[in-house]
N, C-alpha and C. Protein backbone atom coordinates (compact mmCIF):
# COMPACT_ATOMS: atom_id res chain seq x y z
N GLN A 1 43.19 -61.86 -19.33
CA GLN A 1 43.77 -61.55 -20.69
C GLN A 1 44.22 -60.09 -20.72
N VAL A 2 45.37 -59.88 -21.41
CA VAL A 2 45.86 -58.54 -21.49
C VAL A 2 46.08 -58.20 -22.95
N GLN A 3 45.74 -57.05 -23.43
CA GLN A 3 45.86 -56.56 -24.71
C GLN A 3 46.56 -55.24 -24.67
N LEU A 4 47.50 -55.07 -25.68
CA LEU A 4 48.18 -53.80 -25.87
C LEU A 4 48.12 -53.38 -27.25
N VAL A 5 47.67 -51.99 -27.39
CA VAL A 5 47.48 -51.50 -28.72
C VAL A 5 48.32 -50.26 -28.84
N GLU A 6 49.24 -50.36 -29.80
CA GLU A 6 50.16 -49.25 -30.06
C GLU A 6 49.64 -48.34 -31.08
N SER A 7 50.04 -47.08 -31.03
CA SER A 7 49.68 -46.04 -32.12
C SER A 7 50.67 -44.88 -32.19
N GLY A 8 50.71 -44.25 -33.18
CA GLY A 8 51.53 -42.98 -33.37
C GLY A 8 52.63 -43.16 -34.31
N GLY A 9 52.81 -44.33 -34.85
CA GLY A 9 53.96 -44.49 -35.82
C GLY A 9 53.72 -43.84 -37.12
N GLY A 10 54.73 -43.79 -37.92
CA GLY A 10 54.57 -43.02 -39.23
C GLY A 10 55.83 -42.70 -39.90
N LEU A 11 55.68 -41.97 -40.95
CA LEU A 11 56.97 -41.54 -41.65
C LEU A 11 57.26 -40.08 -41.23
N VAL A 12 58.53 -39.82 -41.01
CA VAL A 12 59.02 -38.51 -40.51
C VAL A 12 60.51 -38.33 -41.17
N GLN A 13 60.81 -37.07 -41.40
CA GLN A 13 62.07 -36.75 -41.88
C GLN A 13 63.11 -36.68 -40.66
N ALA A 14 64.34 -36.91 -40.94
CA ALA A 14 65.38 -36.88 -40.02
C ALA A 14 65.38 -35.60 -39.29
N GLY A 15 65.61 -35.62 -37.97
CA GLY A 15 65.46 -34.49 -37.17
C GLY A 15 64.13 -34.17 -36.59
N GLY A 16 62.99 -34.94 -37.11
CA GLY A 16 61.71 -34.76 -36.64
C GLY A 16 61.42 -35.52 -35.30
N SER A 17 60.16 -35.47 -35.01
CA SER A 17 59.67 -35.97 -33.80
C SER A 17 58.38 -36.90 -34.05
N LEU A 18 58.21 -37.87 -33.20
CA LEU A 18 56.96 -38.68 -33.13
C LEU A 18 56.74 -39.08 -31.73
N ARG A 19 55.38 -39.29 -31.41
CA ARG A 19 55.07 -39.76 -30.09
C ARG A 19 54.34 -41.07 -30.22
N LEU A 20 54.79 -42.15 -29.65
CA LEU A 20 54.13 -43.46 -29.72
C LEU A 20 53.36 -43.51 -28.38
N SER A 21 52.10 -44.16 -28.45
CA SER A 21 51.34 -44.49 -27.41
C SER A 21 51.05 -46.03 -27.36
N CYS A 22 50.86 -46.57 -26.21
CA CYS A 22 50.58 -47.93 -25.99
C CYS A 22 49.56 -48.07 -24.89
N ALA A 23 48.28 -48.39 -25.20
CA ALA A 23 47.33 -48.51 -24.28
C ALA A 23 47.02 -50.02 -23.83
N ALA A 24 46.98 -50.31 -22.66
CA ALA A 24 46.80 -51.76 -22.09
C ALA A 24 45.37 -51.84 -21.52
N SER A 25 44.90 -53.00 -21.80
CA SER A 25 43.59 -53.28 -21.20
C SER A 25 43.61 -54.84 -20.71
N GLY A 26 42.51 -55.07 -19.89
CA GLY A 26 42.50 -56.41 -19.30
C GLY A 26 43.01 -56.53 -17.92
N SER A 27 43.57 -57.50 -17.38
CA SER A 27 44.05 -57.75 -16.05
C SER A 27 45.41 -57.07 -15.85
N ILE A 28 45.41 -55.89 -15.55
CA ILE A 28 46.62 -55.14 -15.38
C ILE A 28 46.90 -54.95 -13.84
N PHE A 29 47.93 -55.48 -13.37
CA PHE A 29 48.29 -55.33 -12.04
C PHE A 29 49.05 -53.95 -11.67
N SER A 30 48.92 -53.50 -10.47
CA SER A 30 49.52 -52.18 -10.10
C SER A 30 51.03 -52.19 -10.20
N VAL A 31 51.70 -53.29 -9.92
CA VAL A 31 53.05 -53.37 -10.08
C VAL A 31 53.48 -54.11 -11.42
N ASN A 32 54.01 -53.27 -12.27
CA ASN A 32 54.58 -53.81 -13.59
C ASN A 32 55.54 -52.98 -14.10
N THR A 33 56.21 -53.46 -15.30
CA THR A 33 57.06 -52.72 -16.06
C THR A 33 56.50 -52.63 -17.50
N MET A 34 56.63 -51.50 -17.96
CA MET A 34 56.26 -51.31 -19.44
C MET A 34 57.53 -50.79 -20.10
N ALA A 35 57.54 -51.24 -21.47
CA ALA A 35 58.75 -50.94 -22.20
C ALA A 35 58.55 -50.80 -23.59
N TRP A 36 59.34 -50.22 -24.43
CA TRP A 36 59.28 -50.06 -25.80
C TRP A 36 60.59 -50.86 -26.38
N TYR A 37 60.44 -51.80 -27.27
CA TYR A 37 61.43 -52.41 -28.06
C TYR A 37 61.23 -52.06 -29.57
N ARG A 38 62.28 -52.28 -30.24
CA ARG A 38 62.20 -52.04 -31.68
C ARG A 38 62.98 -53.18 -32.48
N GLN A 39 62.53 -53.41 -33.70
CA GLN A 39 63.27 -54.34 -34.52
C GLN A 39 63.22 -53.83 -35.94
N ALA A 40 64.58 -53.70 -36.37
CA ALA A 40 64.75 -53.15 -37.86
C ALA A 40 64.89 -54.40 -38.65
N PRO A 41 64.74 -54.29 -39.96
CA PRO A 41 64.87 -55.39 -40.84
C PRO A 41 66.17 -56.13 -40.77
N GLY A 42 66.23 -57.37 -40.54
CA GLY A 42 67.43 -58.17 -40.44
C GLY A 42 68.13 -58.08 -39.11
N LYS A 43 67.56 -57.40 -38.16
CA LYS A 43 68.14 -57.22 -36.96
C LYS A 43 67.39 -57.78 -35.75
N ARG A 44 68.05 -58.02 -34.67
CA ARG A 44 67.33 -58.57 -33.49
C ARG A 44 66.47 -57.39 -32.73
N ARG A 45 65.49 -57.84 -32.16
CA ARG A 45 64.67 -56.96 -31.39
C ARG A 45 65.42 -56.39 -30.27
N GLU A 46 65.38 -55.10 -30.07
CA GLU A 46 66.21 -54.50 -28.96
C GLU A 46 65.41 -53.53 -28.14
N LEU A 47 65.94 -53.50 -26.80
CA LEU A 47 65.25 -52.72 -25.85
C LEU A 47 65.54 -51.20 -26.09
N VAL A 48 64.35 -50.44 -26.18
CA VAL A 48 64.65 -48.91 -26.41
C VAL A 48 64.53 -48.16 -25.16
N ALA A 49 63.51 -48.52 -24.32
CA ALA A 49 63.39 -47.80 -22.92
C ALA A 49 62.30 -48.65 -22.15
N ARG A 50 62.42 -48.50 -20.82
CA ARG A 50 61.50 -49.18 -20.07
C ARG A 50 61.17 -48.33 -18.79
N ILE A 51 59.98 -48.55 -18.18
CA ILE A 51 59.62 -47.70 -17.09
C ILE A 51 58.85 -48.58 -16.06
N THR A 52 59.12 -48.47 -14.78
CA THR A 52 58.47 -49.18 -13.79
C THR A 52 57.27 -48.42 -13.49
N SER A 53 56.31 -49.15 -12.65
CA SER A 53 55.11 -48.56 -12.26
C SER A 53 55.24 -47.36 -11.23
N THR A 54 56.52 -47.25 -10.76
CA THR A 54 56.85 -46.18 -9.81
C THR A 54 57.58 -44.99 -10.62
N GLY A 55 57.73 -45.28 -11.85
CA GLY A 55 58.26 -44.17 -12.71
C GLY A 55 59.83 -44.26 -12.97
N SER A 56 60.53 -45.31 -12.44
CA SER A 56 61.82 -45.39 -12.75
C SER A 56 62.13 -45.77 -14.11
N ALA A 57 62.90 -45.06 -14.91
CA ALA A 57 63.18 -45.30 -16.34
C ALA A 57 64.55 -45.57 -16.61
N ASP A 58 64.89 -46.27 -17.74
CA ASP A 58 66.15 -46.44 -18.26
C ASP A 58 66.12 -46.55 -19.85
N TYR A 59 67.13 -46.31 -20.48
CA TYR A 59 67.22 -46.17 -21.98
C TYR A 59 68.34 -46.87 -22.58
N ALA A 60 68.21 -47.25 -23.71
CA ALA A 60 69.29 -47.70 -24.56
C ALA A 60 70.18 -46.51 -24.78
N ASN A 61 71.54 -46.85 -24.80
CA ASN A 61 72.44 -45.64 -25.16
C ASN A 61 72.15 -44.89 -26.36
N SER A 62 71.68 -45.66 -27.37
CA SER A 62 71.47 -45.12 -28.79
C SER A 62 70.41 -43.92 -28.72
N VAL A 63 69.58 -44.05 -27.63
CA VAL A 63 68.42 -42.99 -27.71
C VAL A 63 68.42 -42.08 -26.53
N LYS A 64 69.35 -42.26 -25.61
CA LYS A 64 69.50 -41.39 -24.47
C LYS A 64 69.64 -39.87 -24.96
N GLY A 65 68.84 -39.04 -24.26
CA GLY A 65 68.91 -37.76 -24.60
C GLY A 65 67.97 -37.32 -25.74
N ARG A 66 67.43 -38.29 -26.45
CA ARG A 66 66.48 -38.07 -27.66
C ARG A 66 65.22 -38.46 -27.33
N PHE A 67 65.00 -39.63 -26.66
CA PHE A 67 63.73 -40.29 -26.42
C PHE A 67 63.38 -40.13 -24.96
N THR A 68 62.19 -40.00 -24.63
CA THR A 68 61.61 -40.00 -23.27
C THR A 68 60.49 -40.93 -23.09
N ILE A 69 60.43 -41.81 -22.12
CA ILE A 69 59.41 -42.75 -21.89
C ILE A 69 58.66 -42.23 -20.65
N SER A 70 57.41 -42.36 -20.83
CA SER A 70 56.56 -41.79 -19.67
C SER A 70 55.33 -42.78 -19.59
N ARG A 71 54.48 -42.78 -18.51
CA ARG A 71 53.31 -43.57 -18.42
C ARG A 71 52.28 -42.81 -17.57
N ASP A 72 51.00 -43.17 -17.90
CA ASP A 72 49.81 -42.65 -17.08
C ASP A 72 49.23 -43.92 -16.41
N ASN A 73 49.42 -44.11 -15.21
CA ASN A 73 48.87 -45.39 -14.66
C ASN A 73 47.37 -45.43 -14.62
N ALA A 74 46.78 -44.18 -14.47
CA ALA A 74 45.23 -44.28 -14.41
C ALA A 74 44.79 -44.65 -15.78
N LYS A 75 45.37 -44.31 -16.83
CA LYS A 75 45.08 -44.69 -18.26
C LYS A 75 45.70 -45.96 -18.69
N LYS A 76 46.43 -46.46 -17.92
CA LYS A 76 47.23 -47.78 -18.32
C LYS A 76 47.79 -47.61 -19.65
N THR A 77 48.51 -46.45 -19.89
CA THR A 77 49.18 -46.15 -21.17
C THR A 77 50.61 -45.73 -20.91
N VAL A 78 51.44 -46.19 -21.79
CA VAL A 78 52.79 -45.74 -21.87
C VAL A 78 53.08 -44.88 -23.17
N TYR A 79 54.01 -44.05 -23.01
CA TYR A 79 54.27 -43.26 -24.18
C TYR A 79 55.77 -43.24 -24.48
N LEU A 80 56.15 -42.98 -25.77
CA LEU A 80 57.48 -42.77 -26.09
C LEU A 80 57.68 -41.57 -27.02
N GLN A 81 58.18 -40.57 -26.39
CA GLN A 81 58.46 -39.28 -27.18
C GLN A 81 59.88 -39.39 -27.79
N MET A 82 59.78 -39.31 -29.06
CA MET A 82 61.06 -39.48 -29.88
C MET A 82 61.30 -38.10 -30.61
N ASN A 83 62.46 -37.54 -30.24
CA ASN A 83 62.91 -36.38 -30.92
C ASN A 83 64.24 -36.57 -31.61
N SER A 84 64.57 -35.62 -32.33
CA SER A 84 65.83 -35.77 -33.17
C SER A 84 66.07 -37.09 -33.81
N LEU A 85 65.02 -37.52 -34.52
CA LEU A 85 64.98 -38.89 -35.06
C LEU A 85 66.01 -38.98 -36.16
N LYS A 86 66.58 -40.09 -36.33
CA LYS A 86 67.59 -40.46 -37.30
C LYS A 86 67.16 -41.68 -38.12
N PRO A 87 67.71 -41.72 -39.30
CA PRO A 87 67.39 -42.88 -40.22
C PRO A 87 67.54 -44.17 -39.51
N GLU A 88 68.50 -44.26 -38.71
CA GLU A 88 68.75 -45.59 -38.00
C GLU A 88 67.75 -45.89 -36.88
N ASP A 89 66.82 -44.94 -36.66
CA ASP A 89 65.77 -45.26 -35.74
C ASP A 89 64.62 -45.99 -36.44
N THR A 90 64.66 -46.07 -37.73
CA THR A 90 63.66 -46.76 -38.50
C THR A 90 63.54 -48.20 -38.11
N ALA A 91 62.32 -48.66 -37.74
CA ALA A 91 62.09 -50.03 -37.17
C ALA A 91 60.60 -50.18 -37.05
N VAL A 92 60.19 -51.39 -36.55
CA VAL A 92 58.94 -51.53 -36.00
C VAL A 92 59.02 -51.51 -34.46
N TYR A 93 58.23 -50.64 -33.84
CA TYR A 93 58.41 -50.47 -32.32
C TYR A 93 57.26 -51.28 -31.75
N TYR A 94 57.67 -52.10 -30.69
CA TYR A 94 56.67 -52.91 -29.96
C TYR A 94 56.63 -52.41 -28.52
N CYS A 95 55.34 -52.55 -28.06
CA CYS A 95 55.23 -52.25 -26.63
C CYS A 95 55.10 -53.62 -25.77
N LEU A 96 55.74 -53.52 -24.58
CA LEU A 96 55.83 -54.75 -23.73
C LEU A 96 55.19 -54.34 -22.43
N LEU A 97 54.37 -55.22 -21.86
CA LEU A 97 54.00 -55.26 -20.44
C LEU A 97 54.48 -56.46 -19.79
N SER A 98 55.18 -56.24 -18.74
CA SER A 98 55.67 -57.32 -17.98
C SER A 98 55.16 -57.29 -16.54
N GLN A 99 54.30 -58.34 -16.17
CA GLN A 99 53.89 -58.46 -14.86
C GLN A 99 53.66 -59.81 -14.41
N GLN A 100 53.83 -60.12 -13.16
CA GLN A 100 53.59 -61.53 -12.61
C GLN A 100 54.30 -62.60 -13.38
N TYR A 101 55.56 -62.19 -13.71
CA TYR A 101 56.49 -63.16 -14.42
C TYR A 101 55.99 -63.62 -15.82
N ARG A 102 55.11 -62.60 -16.34
CA ARG A 102 54.66 -62.90 -17.81
C ARG A 102 54.91 -61.70 -18.62
N ASN A 103 55.13 -61.85 -19.82
CA ASN A 103 55.29 -60.75 -20.82
C ASN A 103 54.19 -60.76 -21.86
N TYR A 104 53.73 -59.51 -22.08
CA TYR A 104 52.66 -59.34 -23.17
C TYR A 104 53.20 -58.30 -24.18
N TRP A 105 52.97 -58.65 -25.43
CA TRP A 105 53.52 -57.72 -26.58
C TRP A 105 52.29 -57.16 -27.32
N GLY A 106 52.60 -55.98 -27.79
CA GLY A 106 51.59 -55.46 -28.67
C GLY A 106 51.93 -55.85 -30.12
N GLN A 107 51.13 -55.34 -31.13
CA GLN A 107 51.28 -55.89 -32.49
C GLN A 107 52.38 -55.06 -33.21
N GLY A 108 52.91 -53.97 -32.74
CA GLY A 108 53.89 -53.16 -33.37
C GLY A 108 53.41 -52.10 -34.18
N THR A 109 54.19 -51.06 -34.23
CA THR A 109 53.84 -49.95 -35.18
C THR A 109 55.12 -49.43 -35.92
N GLN A 110 54.88 -49.16 -37.12
CA GLN A 110 56.15 -48.96 -38.02
C GLN A 110 56.49 -47.42 -37.80
N VAL A 111 57.73 -47.19 -37.64
CA VAL A 111 58.39 -45.86 -37.69
C VAL A 111 59.45 -45.83 -38.75
N THR A 112 59.24 -44.89 -39.63
CA THR A 112 60.23 -44.77 -40.73
C THR A 112 60.71 -43.32 -40.71
N VAL A 113 62.06 -43.12 -40.61
CA VAL A 113 62.80 -41.81 -40.64
C VAL A 113 63.49 -41.77 -41.99
N SER A 114 63.13 -40.79 -42.77
CA SER A 114 63.82 -40.45 -44.08
C SER A 114 65.02 -39.60 -43.88
N SER A 115 65.97 -39.74 -44.76
CA SER A 115 67.21 -38.90 -44.66
C SER A 115 67.06 -37.62 -45.53
């Protein structure tokens, strides 16, 4: 059983910063990929950033240069540092753990950016 718990969401003004965290527990294998997705009202869930267990990361074009994904394998935690936030970043952000051909999702955390 795998559980993911996200934290760090909230309300911030445009141009501000937030840091999201996602802590994994349960049967976590050493080889996996962790990622952040987001879903805005009326829109499809989209990939924001992902990082492998070796630290290789990639980003959606819309967040490149503003967001940074990182992970602490010892703590089984992935982070998303979000800078220069824009109103269009407003969404529910979900954490994903992918391992052994299975995907696990967190419950989501709301990020709201006011203009």
